[in-house]
C-alpha cells in the first residue's frame, strides 16, 4: 500500500522541482542564498502545489487500496461490510457502505485542502 502513496507523491514533487523557473533560482544567486535558504525560500514554495497534488493523489490511492483489500480478504472494515452485506442480499447496507466510503473520501480531500490553504496562504485560488 505504501507504493500507492509514495509513487504519486515522489513523481509529482520531482515534477514540481524540475519546473521551478530559472528566474527564481537566479534571484537566489543574486541575494547570495546558501543551499538551505534556496530550499526554504525558493524550492519548497515553488514545488508546494505539485507536492500537495501528489499527496492528494497518494492518499486517495491509499484509501482505495484499503477498501479494495478489505473487499477481497479481510474480516472487518467497510469493504468487508459491503461484501458481507452483498452476500446476504442486503442491498440497502451495501449502499450505506458505499456512501460511507464516499463521505470518508470527501472528508480526507477537504482536510488536505484545508492544510494546503493554511500552508500556502500566499497563494490565491482562481475560484
Protein backbone atom coordinates (compact mmCIF):
# COMPACT_ATOMS: atom_id res chain seq x y z
CA UNK A 1 0.00 0.00 0.00
CA UNK A 2 2.91 2.34 0.59
CA UNK A 3 3.72 2.17 -3.13
CA UNK A 4 0.26 3.59 -3.82
CA UNK A 5 1.25 6.66 -1.79
CA UNK A 6 4.97 7.05 -2.48
CA UNK A 7 4.90 6.92 -6.27
CA UNK A 8 2.41 9.75 -6.93
CA UNK A 9 3.94 11.97 -4.23
CA UNK A 10 7.50 11.40 -5.44
CA UNK A 11 6.70 11.89 -9.12
CA UNK A 12 4.63 14.99 -8.51
CA UNK A 13 7.25 16.52 -6.22
CA UNK A 14 10.00 15.76 -8.70
CA UNK A 15 7.95 17.38 -11.45
CA UNK A 16 7.33 20.44 -9.29
CA UNK A 17 11.04 20.83 -8.51
CA UNK A 18 12.04 20.31 -12.15
CA UNK A 19 9.61 23.01 -13.29
CA UNK A 20 10.89 25.76 -10.98
CA UNK A 21 11.55 28.82 -13.15
CA UNK A 22 15.25 29.58 -13.59
CA UNK A 23 14.49 33.22 -12.82
CA UNK A 24 13.69 32.30 -9.22
CA UNK A 25 16.97 30.44 -8.84
CA UNK A 26 18.83 33.42 -10.31
CA UNK A 27 17.19 35.68 -7.73
CA UNK A 28 18.58 33.35 -5.07
CA UNK A 29 22.05 33.69 -6.56
CA UNK A 30 21.73 37.49 -6.66
CA UNK A 31 20.79 37.53 -2.97
CA UNK A 32 23.60 35.03 -2.30
CA UNK A 33 21.36 32.46 -0.66
CA UNK A 34 23.07 29.41 0.74
CA UNK A 35 21.68 25.94 -0.08
CA UNK A 36 19.35 25.91 2.94
CA UNK A 37 17.87 29.32 2.03
CA UNK A 38 17.39 28.27 -1.60
CA UNK A 39 15.47 25.19 -0.49
CA UNK A 40 13.44 27.02 2.17
CA UNK A 41 12.64 30.22 0.28
CA UNK A 42 12.57 29.14 -3.37
CA UNK A 43 12.29 25.38 -3.90
CA UNK A 44 9.68 24.50 -1.26
CA UNK A 45 7.25 27.34 -2.05
CA UNK A 46 7.58 26.74 -5.80
CA UNK A 47 7.16 22.96 -5.53
CA UNK A 48 4.43 23.02 -2.85
CA UNK A 49 1.45 22.97 -5.26
CA UNK A 50 2.84 19.89 -7.03
CA UNK A 51 3.68 18.27 -3.72
CA UNK A 52 0.13 18.69 -2.45
CA UNK A 53 -1.31 17.43 -5.72
CA UNK A 54 0.77 14.28 -5.39
CA UNK A 55 -0.13 13.98 -1.72
CA UNK A 56 -3.83 14.16 -2.53
CA UNK A 57 -3.46 11.53 -5.23
CA UNK A 58 -1.39 9.30 -2.98
CA UNK A 59 -3.77 9.49 -0.03
CA UNK A 60 -6.76 8.76 -2.25
CA UNK A 61 -4.91 5.81 -3.82
CA UNK A 62 -4.18 4.52 -0.31
CA UNK A 63 -7.86 4.86 0.64
CA UNK A 64 -8.94 2.98 -2.48
CA UNK A 65 -6.33 0.30 -1.80
CA UNK A 66 -7.56 -0.19 1.76
CA UNK A 67 -11.15 -0.63 0.61
CA UNK A 68 -10.08 -2.99 -2.18
CA UNK A 69 -8.06 -5.18 0.18
CA UNK A 70 -10.96 -5.24 2.64
CA UNK A 71 -13.29 -6.32 -0.15
CA UNK A 72 -11.03 -9.22 -1.10
CA UNK A 73 -9.55 -10.66 2.06
CA UNK A 74 -10.50 -9.05 5.32
CA UNK A 75 -12.81 -9.84 8.18
CA UNK A 76 -13.52 -6.26 9.18
CA UNK A 77 -13.82 -2.77 7.73
CA UNK A 78 -16.12 -1.03 5.28
CA UNK A 79 -15.06 -3.16 2.34
CA UNK A 80 -15.76 -6.36 4.26
CA UNK A 81 -19.09 -4.96 5.47
CA UNK A 82 -20.06 -4.16 1.90
CA UNK A 83 -19.07 -7.62 0.61
CA UNK A 84 -20.77 -9.37 3.51
CA UNK A 85 -23.97 -7.37 3.05
CA UNK A 86 -23.93 -8.22 -0.64
CA UNK A 87 -23.64 -11.91 0.14
CA UNK A 88 -26.71 -11.60 2.40
CA UNK A 89 -28.58 -9.67 -0.33
CA UNK A 90 -28.84 -6.58 1.88
CA UNK A 91 -28.55 -4.04 -0.90
CA UNK A 92 -29.52 -1.17 1.40
CA UNK A 93 -26.49 -1.89 3.60
CA UNK A 94 -24.26 -2.09 0.52
CA UNK A 95 -25.46 1.37 -0.50
CA UNK A 96 -24.86 2.69 3.04
CA UNK A 97 -21.30 1.31 2.93
CA UNK A 98 -20.73 2.91 -0.50
CA UNK A 99 -21.97 6.26 0.80
CA UNK A 100 -19.75 5.94 3.90
CA UNK A 101 -16.72 5.22 1.69
CA UNK A 102 -17.50 8.29 -0.40
CA UNK A 103 -18.04 10.52 2.64
CA UNK A 104 -14.71 9.45 4.16
CA UNK A 105 -13.00 10.20 0.84
CA UNK A 106 -14.57 13.65 0.71
CA UNK A 107 -13.56 14.37 4.32
CA UNK A 108 -9.97 13.34 3.53
CA UNK A 109 -9.95 15.60 0.46
CA UNK A 110 -11.36 18.58 2.36
CA UNK A 111 -8.87 18.08 5.18
CA UNK A 112 -5.96 18.06 2.73
CA UNK A 113 -7.33 21.19 1.05
CA UNK A 114 -7.56 22.94 4.42
CA UNK A 115 -3.98 22.01 5.28
CA UNK A 116 -2.82 23.15 1.85
CA UNK A 117 -4.59 26.51 2.14
CA UNK A 118 -3.08 27.08 5.61
CA UNK A 119 0.44 26.29 4.45
CA UNK A 120 0.09 28.27 1.22
CA UNK A 121 -1.68 31.38 2.46
CA UNK A 122 0.21 33.49 -0.05
CA UNK A 123 -1.39 31.66 -2.97
CA UNK A 124 -4.87 32.78 -4.01
CA UNK A 125 -7.36 30.45 -5.58
CA UNK A 126 -8.77 31.23 -9.01
CA UNK A 127 -12.26 30.25 -7.88
